[in-house]
């Protein structure tokens, strides 16, 4: 029986996630499988892969052929590299301790690279949040200045109106006093 390591689609429309399974090559994509060895969620940033490393390595060594996407996932997780190193041990190119040392060095470098990418995403998200906050502060500052200017104009108009009313009232009082004095002077003159 020819076995394949492939992805089974799950999830809803527009939000798919996948199970990594070992299945007979003649079985339908989402049909019967032999063993589930992991999951792959491309919706997260970076994509989340949960893989049973030992079982994936076992199936590669027993001859299961991964599909193109499954091969990329296994390669990214280091299963293909470990299989390659174990093949070198079988051929006598180096011993198992050297193979394990090479794999651990590769794994450390890969984890550092992945962490750097995650830190880059986190820093970019922080920078974006800070930029949006600064832009919002500028907009709020401009709105506050416009409101303060409008209030100052209203206050100035109210003060001007009060001054005009006071001047008009003073003029009325002055006008009211002048006619009272004018008849009094006319009576004295007669």
N, C-alpha and C. Protein backbone atom coordinates (compact mmCIF):
# COMPACT_ATOMS: atom_id res chain seq x y z
N UNK A 1 0.85 -1.17 0.00
CA UNK A 1 0.00 0.00 0.00
C UNK A 1 0.89 1.24 0.00
N UNK A 2 0.64 2.14 -0.94
CA UNK A 2 1.40 3.40 -1.03
C UNK A 2 0.79 4.40 -0.06
N UNK A 3 1.62 4.89 0.85
CA UNK A 3 1.11 5.86 1.82
C UNK A 3 1.63 7.26 1.50
N UNK A 4 0.82 8.24 1.87
CA UNK A 4 1.19 9.64 1.65
C UNK A 4 1.00 10.40 2.95
N UNK A 5 1.87 11.37 3.15
CA UNK A 5 1.69 12.33 4.24
C UNK A 5 1.08 13.55 3.58
N UNK A 6 -0.14 13.91 3.99
CA UNK A 6 -0.82 15.01 3.33
C UNK A 6 -1.70 15.78 4.31
N UNK A 7 -2.34 16.80 3.79
CA UNK A 7 -3.17 17.67 4.60
C UNK A 7 -4.65 17.36 4.37
N UNK A 8 -5.41 17.33 5.46
CA UNK A 8 -6.86 17.22 5.38
C UNK A 8 -7.44 18.57 5.75
N UNK A 9 -8.32 19.10 4.91
CA UNK A 9 -8.89 20.43 5.16
C UNK A 9 -10.03 20.35 6.16
N UNK A 10 -10.00 21.28 7.12
CA UNK A 10 -11.08 21.43 8.09
C UNK A 10 -11.36 22.92 8.21
N UNK A 11 -12.35 23.26 9.01
CA UNK A 11 -12.68 24.67 9.21
C UNK A 11 -13.82 25.10 8.32
N UNK A 12 -14.04 26.40 8.29
CA UNK A 12 -15.15 26.92 7.50
C UNK A 12 -14.64 27.65 6.27
N UNK A 13 -15.56 28.10 5.46
CA UNK A 13 -15.22 28.83 4.25
C UNK A 13 -14.44 30.10 4.61
N UNK A 14 -13.29 30.29 4.00
CA UNK A 14 -12.48 31.47 4.25
C UNK A 14 -11.61 31.37 5.50
N UNK A 15 -11.71 30.28 6.26
CA UNK A 15 -10.92 30.12 7.47
C UNK A 15 -10.57 28.64 7.62
N UNK A 16 -9.73 28.16 6.74
CA UNK A 16 -9.38 26.75 6.72
C UNK A 16 -8.18 26.48 7.63
N UNK A 17 -8.19 25.33 8.27
CA UNK A 17 -7.00 24.81 8.94
C UNK A 17 -6.91 23.34 8.56
N UNK A 18 -5.76 22.76 8.77
CA UNK A 18 -5.50 21.44 8.21
C UNK A 18 -4.96 20.49 9.26
N UNK A 19 -5.32 19.20 9.09
CA UNK A 19 -4.74 18.13 9.88
C UNK A 19 -3.69 17.46 9.01
N UNK A 20 -2.52 17.19 9.57
CA UNK A 20 -1.47 16.48 8.84
C UNK A 20 -1.67 14.99 9.14
N UNK A 21 -1.94 14.23 8.08
CA UNK A 21 -2.28 12.82 8.27
C UNK A 21 -1.43 11.94 7.35
N UNK A 22 -1.34 10.68 7.74
CA UNK A 22 -0.76 9.65 6.89
C UNK A 22 -1.94 8.84 6.37
N UNK A 23 -2.07 8.76 5.04
CA UNK A 23 -3.23 8.09 4.45
C UNK A 23 -2.80 7.28 3.24
N UNK A 24 -3.65 6.35 2.87
CA UNK A 24 -3.46 5.59 1.64
C UNK A 24 -3.58 6.59 0.49
N UNK A 25 -2.75 6.47 -0.51
CA UNK A 25 -2.74 7.43 -1.61
C UNK A 25 -4.04 7.39 -2.41
N UNK A 26 -4.80 6.28 -2.33
CA UNK A 26 -6.05 6.17 -3.08
C UNK A 26 -7.24 6.73 -2.32
N UNK A 27 -7.08 7.03 -1.04
CA UNK A 27 -8.19 7.53 -0.22
C UNK A 27 -8.47 8.98 -0.58
N UNK A 28 -9.74 9.43 -0.41
CA UNK A 28 -10.05 10.83 -0.69
C UNK A 28 -9.32 11.76 0.28
N UNK A 29 -9.20 13.02 -0.14
CA UNK A 29 -8.44 14.00 0.64
C UNK A 29 -8.91 14.09 2.09
N UNK A 30 -10.22 14.22 2.28
CA UNK A 30 -10.76 14.38 3.63
C UNK A 30 -11.34 13.08 4.15
N UNK A 31 -10.97 11.97 3.54
CA UNK A 31 -11.54 10.68 3.91
C UNK A 31 -10.72 9.94 4.94
N UNK A 32 -10.76 8.62 4.83
CA UNK A 32 -10.13 7.73 5.78
C UNK A 32 -8.61 7.92 5.78
N UNK A 33 -8.01 7.90 6.97
CA UNK A 33 -6.56 8.01 7.10
C UNK A 33 -6.03 6.99 8.08
N UNK A 34 -4.73 6.77 8.03
CA UNK A 34 -4.10 5.78 8.90
C UNK A 34 -3.77 6.38 10.26
N UNK A 35 -3.14 7.56 10.24
CA UNK A 35 -2.73 8.19 11.51
C UNK A 35 -2.68 9.71 11.34
N UNK A 36 -3.11 10.41 12.36
CA UNK A 36 -3.01 11.87 12.40
C UNK A 36 -1.71 12.20 13.14
N UNK A 37 -0.81 12.95 12.46
CA UNK A 37 0.48 13.25 13.08
C UNK A 37 0.67 14.72 13.42
N UNK A 38 -0.33 15.55 13.11
CA UNK A 38 -0.19 16.95 13.48
C UNK A 38 -1.28 17.82 12.89
N UNK A 39 -1.10 19.14 13.08
CA UNK A 39 -2.05 20.10 12.52
C UNK A 39 -1.28 21.31 12.02
N UNK A 40 -1.93 22.04 11.12
CA UNK A 40 -1.33 23.22 10.50
C UNK A 40 -2.40 24.29 10.39
N UNK A 41 -2.14 25.46 10.99
CA UNK A 41 -3.09 26.57 10.94
C UNK A 41 -2.43 27.76 10.26
N UNK A 42 -2.75 28.02 8.99
CA UNK A 42 -2.13 29.14 8.28
C UNK A 42 -2.75 30.49 8.60
N UNK A 43 -3.80 30.52 9.44
CA UNK A 43 -4.50 31.77 9.74
C UNK A 43 -3.78 32.63 10.76
N UNK A 44 -2.85 32.05 11.50
CA UNK A 44 -2.09 32.83 12.47
C UNK A 44 -0.86 33.42 11.80
N UNK A 45 -0.25 34.39 12.45
CA UNK A 45 0.93 35.03 11.87
C UNK A 45 2.07 34.96 12.86
N UNK A 46 3.09 34.16 12.66
CA UNK A 46 3.33 33.18 11.60
C UNK A 46 2.45 31.94 11.79
N UNK A 47 2.36 31.14 10.76
CA UNK A 47 1.48 29.97 10.77
C UNK A 47 1.88 29.02 11.91
N UNK A 48 0.86 28.39 12.51
CA UNK A 48 1.08 27.50 13.65
C UNK A 48 1.12 26.06 13.15
N UNK A 49 2.19 25.36 13.54
CA UNK A 49 2.33 23.95 13.18
C UNK A 49 2.52 23.15 14.47
N UNK A 50 1.66 22.16 14.68
CA UNK A 50 1.77 21.25 15.83
C UNK A 50 2.02 19.87 15.22
N UNK A 51 3.23 19.35 15.41
CA UNK A 51 3.62 18.12 14.72
C UNK A 51 4.22 17.13 15.70
N UNK A 52 3.80 15.87 15.59
CA UNK A 52 4.43 14.80 16.35
C UNK A 52 5.69 14.41 15.59
N UNK A 53 6.82 14.94 16.00
CA UNK A 53 8.08 14.82 15.29
C UNK A 53 8.48 13.36 15.09
N UNK A 54 8.40 12.58 16.16
CA UNK A 54 8.86 11.18 16.10
C UNK A 54 8.02 10.35 15.12
N UNK A 55 6.69 10.55 15.14
CA UNK A 55 5.84 9.78 14.24
C UNK A 55 6.04 10.21 12.79
N UNK A 56 6.22 11.51 12.57
CA UNK A 56 6.48 11.98 11.21
C UNK A 56 7.79 11.39 10.68
N UNK A 57 8.82 11.37 11.53
CA UNK A 57 10.11 10.78 11.14
C UNK A 57 9.95 9.29 10.85
N UNK A 58 9.19 8.60 11.69
CA UNK A 58 8.95 7.16 11.49
C UNK A 58 8.31 6.91 10.13
N UNK A 59 7.27 7.68 9.79
CA UNK A 59 6.57 7.46 8.53
C UNK A 59 7.46 7.82 7.34
N UNK A 60 8.30 8.83 7.46
CA UNK A 60 9.24 9.13 6.37
C UNK A 60 10.22 7.98 6.17
N UNK A 61 10.68 7.41 7.26
CA UNK A 61 11.64 6.31 7.16
C UNK A 61 11.01 5.03 6.63
N UNK A 62 9.71 4.86 6.83
CA UNK A 62 9.04 3.66 6.31
C UNK A 62 8.59 3.83 4.87
N UNK A 63 8.81 5.02 4.27
CA UNK A 63 8.53 5.17 2.85
C UNK A 63 7.32 6.00 2.50
N UNK A 64 6.69 6.64 3.45
CA UNK A 64 5.54 7.49 3.14
C UNK A 64 6.03 8.72 2.38
N UNK A 65 5.35 9.05 1.28
CA UNK A 65 5.73 10.20 0.45
C UNK A 65 4.91 11.41 0.84
N UNK A 66 5.55 12.51 1.25
CA UNK A 66 4.78 13.71 1.57
C UNK A 66 4.38 14.46 0.30
N UNK A 67 3.21 15.09 0.34
CA UNK A 67 2.81 15.96 -0.77
C UNK A 67 3.69 17.21 -0.70
N UNK A 68 3.57 18.08 -1.68
CA UNK A 68 4.45 19.26 -1.75
C UNK A 68 4.30 20.14 -0.51
N UNK A 69 3.08 20.45 -0.12
CA UNK A 69 2.86 21.31 1.04
C UNK A 69 3.29 20.60 2.32
N UNK A 70 2.97 19.32 2.44
CA UNK A 70 3.37 18.57 3.62
C UNK A 70 4.90 18.48 3.69
N UNK A 71 5.55 18.35 2.55
CA UNK A 71 7.02 18.31 2.52
C UNK A 71 7.59 19.64 3.03
N UNK A 72 7.01 20.74 2.59
CA UNK A 72 7.48 22.05 3.06
C UNK A 72 7.32 22.19 4.57
N UNK A 73 6.21 21.70 5.11
CA UNK A 73 5.98 21.76 6.55
C UNK A 73 7.00 20.88 7.28
N UNK A 74 7.18 19.66 6.79
CA UNK A 74 8.14 18.75 7.42
C UNK A 74 9.56 19.30 7.33
N UNK A 75 9.87 19.93 6.22
CA UNK A 75 11.20 20.53 6.03
C UNK A 75 11.39 21.68 7.02
N UNK A 76 10.36 22.51 7.18
CA UNK A 76 10.44 23.65 8.10
C UNK A 76 10.58 23.19 9.54
N UNK A 77 9.96 22.06 9.89
CA UNK A 77 10.03 21.54 11.25
C UNK A 77 11.30 20.73 11.50
N UNK A 78 12.05 20.40 10.46
CA UNK A 78 13.32 19.69 10.62
C UNK A 78 13.23 18.18 10.47
N UNK A 79 12.05 17.66 10.15
CA UNK A 79 11.89 16.22 10.01
C UNK A 79 12.69 15.70 8.82
N UNK A 80 12.63 16.42 7.71
CA UNK A 80 13.36 15.99 6.51
C UNK A 80 14.88 16.03 6.75
N UNK A 81 15.35 17.05 7.46
CA UNK A 81 16.79 17.17 7.74
C UNK A 81 17.24 16.04 8.66
N UNK A 82 16.43 15.73 9.67
CA UNK A 82 16.77 14.63 10.58
C UNK A 82 16.79 13.31 9.82
N UNK A 83 15.85 13.10 8.91
CA UNK A 83 15.81 11.88 8.09
C UNK A 83 17.07 11.80 7.23
N UNK A 84 17.48 12.96 6.67
CA UNK A 84 18.69 13.02 5.85
C UNK A 84 19.93 12.65 6.69
N UNK A 85 20.02 13.19 7.88
CA UNK A 85 21.17 12.89 8.75
C UNK A 85 21.19 11.42 9.16
N UNK A 86 20.02 10.85 9.45
CA UNK A 86 19.97 9.44 9.81
C UNK A 86 20.35 8.55 8.62
N UNK A 87 20.05 9.01 7.41
CA UNK A 87 20.50 8.29 6.21
C UNK A 87 22.02 8.31 6.11
N UNK A 88 22.65 9.43 6.48
CA UNK A 88 24.12 9.52 6.49
C UNK A 88 24.72 8.60 7.54
N UNK A 89 24.02 8.44 8.67
CA UNK A 89 24.51 7.53 9.72
C UNK A 89 24.45 6.09 9.20
N UNK A 90 23.37 5.72 8.51
CA UNK A 90 23.24 4.36 7.96
C UNK A 90 24.34 4.06 6.95
N UNK A 91 24.72 5.09 6.18
CA UNK A 91 25.77 4.90 5.16
C UNK A 91 27.16 4.93 5.78
N UNK A 92 27.27 5.38 7.02
CA UNK A 92 28.57 5.41 7.69
C UNK A 92 29.33 6.70 7.45
N UNK A 93 28.70 7.75 6.99
CA UNK A 93 29.38 9.02 6.75
C UNK A 93 29.82 9.66 8.06
N UNK A 94 29.02 9.50 9.09
CA UNK A 94 29.36 10.00 10.43
C UNK A 94 28.55 9.23 11.45
N UNK A 95 28.89 9.39 12.72
CA UNK A 95 28.19 8.62 13.74
C UNK A 95 26.92 9.36 14.21
N UNK A 96 26.14 8.69 15.03
CA UNK A 96 24.86 9.23 15.47
C UNK A 96 25.03 10.47 16.35
N UNK A 97 26.09 10.53 17.14
CA UNK A 97 26.33 11.69 18.00
C UNK A 97 26.60 12.94 17.15
N UNK A 98 27.37 12.78 16.07
CA UNK A 98 27.65 13.91 15.18
C UNK A 98 26.36 14.36 14.47
N UNK A 99 25.53 13.38 14.09
CA UNK A 99 24.26 13.71 13.44
C UNK A 99 23.37 14.49 14.40
N UNK A 100 23.32 14.06 15.66
CA UNK A 100 22.49 14.75 16.65
C UNK A 100 23.03 16.15 16.93
N UNK A 101 24.35 16.30 16.95
CA UNK A 101 24.95 17.63 17.18
C UNK A 101 24.61 18.57 16.01
N UNK A 102 24.71 18.06 14.78
CA UNK A 102 24.35 18.87 13.61
C UNK A 102 22.88 19.28 13.66
N UNK A 103 22.02 18.32 14.03
CA UNK A 103 20.60 18.63 14.07
C UNK A 103 20.29 19.66 15.16
N UNK A 104 20.91 19.53 16.32
CA UNK A 104 20.66 20.49 17.40
C UNK A 104 21.15 21.89 17.01
N UNK A 105 22.29 21.97 16.31
CA UNK A 105 22.78 23.27 15.85
C UNK A 105 21.79 23.88 14.85
N UNK A 106 21.30 23.05 13.93
CA UNK A 106 20.31 23.54 12.96
C UNK A 106 19.03 23.99 13.66
N UNK A 107 18.59 23.19 14.63
CA UNK A 107 17.36 23.49 15.35
C UNK A 107 17.48 24.80 16.14
N UNK A 108 18.64 25.02 16.76
CA UNK A 108 18.87 26.26 17.50
C UNK A 108 18.83 27.46 16.56
N UNK A 109 19.48 27.34 15.42
CA UNK A 109 19.49 28.44 14.44
C UNK A 109 18.07 28.70 13.92
N UNK A 110 17.32 27.64 13.67
CA UNK A 110 15.95 27.77 13.16
C UNK A 110 15.05 28.44 14.20
N UNK A 111 15.19 28.06 15.47
CA UNK A 111 14.39 28.67 16.52
C UNK A 111 14.74 30.14 16.69
N UNK A 112 16.03 30.48 16.57
CA UNK A 112 16.44 31.88 16.68
C UNK A 112 15.84 32.69 15.52
N UNK A 113 15.86 32.12 14.33
CA UNK A 113 15.29 32.79 13.15
C UNK A 113 13.79 32.99 13.32
N UNK A 114 13.10 31.96 13.80
CA UNK A 114 11.65 32.06 14.02
C UNK A 114 11.34 33.10 15.08
N UNK A 115 12.14 33.12 16.16
CA UNK A 115 11.92 34.11 17.21
C UNK A 115 12.16 35.52 16.70
N UNK A 116 13.14 35.67 15.83
CA UNK A 116 13.43 36.99 15.24
C UNK A 116 12.24 37.46 14.39
N UNK A 117 11.65 36.55 13.64
CA UNK A 117 10.48 36.89 12.82
C UNK A 117 9.32 37.29 13.72
N UNK A 118 9.08 36.51 14.80
CA UNK A 118 7.99 36.83 15.72
C UNK A 118 8.22 38.19 16.38
N UNK A 119 9.49 38.45 16.77
CA UNK A 119 9.81 39.75 17.38
C UNK A 119 9.59 40.89 16.38
N UNK A 120 9.93 40.64 15.12
CA UNK A 120 9.71 41.64 14.07
C UNK A 120 8.23 41.96 13.92
N UNK A 121 7.38 40.92 13.93
CA UNK A 121 5.94 41.13 13.84
C UNK A 121 5.44 41.91 15.06
N UNK A 122 5.93 41.52 16.24
CA UNK A 122 5.50 42.20 17.46
C UNK A 122 5.92 43.66 17.46
N UNK A 123 7.18 43.92 17.06
CA UNK A 123 7.67 45.30 17.01
C UNK A 123 6.92 46.12 15.97
N UNK A 124 6.62 45.52 14.83
CA UNK A 124 5.87 46.23 13.79
C UNK A 124 4.46 46.56 14.30
N UNK A 125 3.86 45.64 15.03
CA UNK A 125 2.53 45.88 15.57
C UNK A 125 2.57 47.01 16.61
N UNK A 126 3.60 47.00 17.46
CA UNK A 126 3.75 48.07 18.45
C UNK A 126 3.96 49.42 17.76
N UNK A 127 4.81 49.44 16.74
CA UNK A 127 5.09 50.68 16.01
C UNK A 127 3.82 51.19 15.33
N UNK A 128 3.04 50.27 14.75
CA UNK A 128 1.79 50.66 14.10
C UNK A 128 0.81 51.24 15.11
N UNK A 129 0.71 50.59 16.27
CA UNK A 129 -0.18 51.09 17.32
C UNK A 129 0.26 52.46 17.79
N UNK A 130 1.56 52.64 17.98
CA UNK A 130 2.09 53.93 18.42
C UNK A 130 1.83 55.01 17.37
N UNK A 131 2.04 54.68 16.10
CA UNK A 131 1.80 55.65 15.02
C UNK A 131 0.33 56.05 14.97
N UNK A 132 -0.57 55.08 15.11
CA UNK A 132 -2.00 55.40 15.10
C UNK A 132 -2.38 56.24 16.32
N UNK A 133 -1.78 55.94 17.47
CA UNK A 133 -2.06 56.73 18.67
C UNK A 133 -1.57 58.16 18.51
N UNK A 134 -0.36 58.33 17.96
CA UNK A 134 0.18 59.67 17.72
C UNK A 134 -0.70 60.45 16.73
N UNK A 135 -1.14 59.78 15.68
CA UNK A 135 -2.01 60.43 14.69
C UNK A 135 -3.32 60.85 15.34
N UNK A 136 -3.86 59.99 16.20
CA UNK A 136 -5.11 60.32 16.88
C UNK A 136 -4.91 61.48 17.84
N UNK A 137 -3.75 61.52 18.52
CA UNK A 137 -3.45 62.65 19.41
C UNK A 137 -3.37 63.96 18.62
N UNK A 138 -2.75 63.91 17.44
CA UNK A 138 -2.65 65.11 16.60
C UNK A 138 -4.04 65.59 16.16
N UNK A 139 -4.88 64.64 15.78
CA UNK A 139 -6.25 64.98 15.37
C UNK A 139 -7.00 65.59 16.54
N UNK A 140 -6.87 64.97 17.72
CA UNK A 140 -7.54 65.51 18.90
C UNK A 140 -7.02 66.89 19.27
N UNK A 141 -5.72 67.10 19.12
CA UNK A 141 -5.12 68.40 19.40
C UNK A 141 -5.67 69.46 18.43
N UNK A 142 -5.76 69.10 17.16
CA UNK A 142 -6.31 70.03 16.16
C UNK A 142 -7.76 70.35 16.46
N UNK A 143 -8.54 69.33 16.85
CA UNK A 143 -9.94 69.56 17.21
C UNK A 143 -10.04 70.46 18.44
N UNK A 144 -9.17 70.22 19.43
CA UNK A 144 -9.20 71.04 20.65
C UNK A 144 -8.86 72.49 20.34
N UNK A 145 -7.87 72.69 19.45
CA UNK A 145 -7.51 74.06 19.05
C UNK A 145 -8.67 74.73 18.32
N UNK A 146 -9.35 73.98 17.45
CA UNK A 146 -10.49 74.54 16.71
C UNK A 146 -11.62 74.89 17.68
N UNK A 147 -11.87 74.04 18.65
CA UNK A 147 -12.92 74.31 19.63
C UNK A 147 -12.53 75.51 20.48
N UNK A 148 -11.26 75.59 20.90
CA UNK A 148 -10.80 76.73 21.70
C UNK A 148 -10.92 78.02 20.90
N UNK A 149 -10.58 77.98 19.62
CA UNK A 149 -10.68 79.17 18.76
C UNK A 149 -12.15 79.60 18.64
N UNK A 150 -13.03 78.62 18.45
CA UNK A 150 -14.46 78.90 18.31
C UNK A 150 -15.00 79.50 19.61
N UNK A 151 -14.58 78.94 20.76
CA UNK A 151 -15.03 79.47 22.05
C UNK A 151 -14.51 80.89 22.26
N UNK A 152 -13.25 81.12 21.84
CA UNK A 152 -12.68 82.47 21.98
C UNK A 152 -13.45 83.45 21.10
N UNK A 153 -13.81 83.04 19.90
CA UNK A 153 -14.60 83.91 19.01
C UNK A 153 -15.96 84.20 19.63
N UNK A 154 -16.59 83.19 20.19
CA UNK A 154 -17.90 83.37 20.83
C UNK A 154 -17.77 84.30 22.03
N UNK A 155 -16.71 84.07 22.83
CA UNK A 155 -16.49 84.93 24.01
C UNK A 155 -16.20 86.36 23.58
N UNK A 156 -15.41 86.54 22.51
CA UNK A 156 -15.10 87.89 22.02
C UNK A 156 -16.37 88.55 21.49
N UNK A 157 -17.20 87.79 20.79
CA UNK A 157 -18.46 88.35 20.27
C UNK A 157 -19.38 88.73 21.43
N UNK A 158 -19.43 87.90 22.45
CA UNK A 158 -20.27 88.20 23.62
C UNK A 158 -19.74 89.43 24.34
N UNK A 159 -18.41 89.52 24.47
CA UNK A 159 -17.82 90.69 25.14
C UNK A 159 -18.10 91.95 24.32
N UNK A 160 -17.97 91.84 22.99
CA UNK A 160 -18.22 92.99 22.11
C UNK A 160 -19.69 93.40 22.21
N UNK A 161 -20.58 92.41 22.24
CA UNK A 161 -22.01 92.70 22.36
C UNK A 161 -22.31 93.36 23.71
N UNK A 162 -21.67 92.85 24.77
CA UNK A 162 -21.87 93.44 26.10
C UNK A 162 -21.34 94.86 26.14
N UNK A 163 -20.19 95.07 25.48
CA UNK A 163 -19.63 96.43 25.43
C UNK A 163 -20.55 97.36 24.65
N UNK A 164 -21.11 96.89 23.54
CA UNK A 164 -22.04 97.70 22.75
C UNK A 164 -23.29 98.03 23.55
N UNK A 165 -23.79 97.00 24.28
CA UNK A 165 -24.97 97.23 25.11
C UNK A 165 -24.67 98.23 26.22
N UNK A 166 -23.50 98.09 26.82
CA UNK A 166 -23.10 99.02 27.88
C UNK A 166 -22.96 100.43 27.31
N UNK A 167 -22.37 100.53 26.12
CA UNK A 167 -22.22 101.85 25.49
C UNK A 167 -23.59 102.42 25.13
N UNK A 168 -24.48 101.58 24.62
CA UNK A 168 -25.82 102.04 24.27
C UNK A 168 -26.58 102.47 25.53
N UNK A 169 -26.42 101.70 26.60
CA UNK A 169 -27.08 102.04 27.85
C UNK A 169 -26.53 103.34 28.40
N UNK A 170 -25.22 103.50 28.32
CA UNK A 170 -24.59 104.74 28.79
C UNK A 170 -25.05 105.91 27.93
N UNK A 171 -25.18 105.68 26.64
CA UNK A 171 -25.65 106.74 25.74
C UNK A 171 -27.10 107.10 26.06
N UNK A 172 -27.91 106.09 26.37
CA UNK A 172 -29.30 106.35 26.73
C UNK A 172 -29.38 107.13 28.04
N UNK A 173 -28.56 106.72 28.99
CA UNK A 173 -28.54 107.43 30.27
C UNK A 173 -28.07 108.87 30.07
N UNK A 174 -27.05 109.03 29.25
CA UNK A 174 -26.54 110.38 28.97
C UNK A 174 -27.60 111.20 28.24
N UNK A 175 -28.30 110.57 27.32
CA UNK A 175 -29.36 111.27 26.58
C UNK A 175 -30.52 111.61 27.50
N UNK A 176 -30.78 110.73 28.43
CA UNK A 176 -31.87 110.98 29.36
C UNK A 176 -31.50 112.11 30.32
N UNK A 177 -30.27 112.24 30.67
CA UNK A 177 -29.83 113.30 31.58
C UNK A 177 -29.78 114.64 30.86
N UNK A 178 -29.36 114.71 29.65
CA UNK A 178 -29.26 115.97 28.90
C UNK A 178 -30.61 116.63 28.71
N UNK A 179 -31.66 115.97 28.29
CA UNK A 179 -32.94 116.65 28.16
C UNK A 179 -33.45 117.18 29.50
N UNK A 180 -33.18 116.48 30.58
CA UNK A 180 -33.62 116.98 31.88
C UNK A 180 -32.90 118.25 32.24
N UNK A 181 -31.64 118.38 31.92
CA UNK A 181 -30.88 119.58 32.21
C UNK A 181 -31.26 120.72 31.27
N UNK A 182 -31.53 120.41 30.05
CA UNK A 182 -31.85 121.46 29.08
C UNK A 182 -33.10 122.23 29.47
N UNK A 183 -34.21 121.65 29.83
CA UNK A 183 -35.36 122.45 30.23
C UNK A 183 -35.08 123.26 31.49
N UNK A 184 -34.29 122.75 32.36
CA UNK A 184 -33.99 123.49 33.58
C UNK A 184 -33.22 124.76 33.25
N UNK A 185 -32.33 124.76 32.29
CA UNK A 185 -31.59 125.95 31.91
C UNK A 185 -32.49 126.92 31.16
N UNK A 186 -33.43 126.41 30.41
CA UNK A 186 -34.35 127.29 29.68
C UNK A 186 -35.26 128.02 30.66
N UNK A 187 -35.68 127.39 31.70
CA UNK A 187 -36.56 128.04 32.69
C UNK A 187 -35.82 129.13 33.44
N UNK A 188 -34.56 128.94 33.68
CA UNK A 188 -33.76 129.90 34.40
C UNK A 188 -33.56 131.14 33.53
N UNK A 189 -33.44 130.92 32.26
CA UNK A 189 -33.19 132.03 31.36
C UNK A 189 -34.44 132.87 31.20
N UNK A 190 -35.59 132.40 31.38
CA UNK A 190 -36.80 133.17 31.20
C UNK A 190 -37.06 133.96 32.37
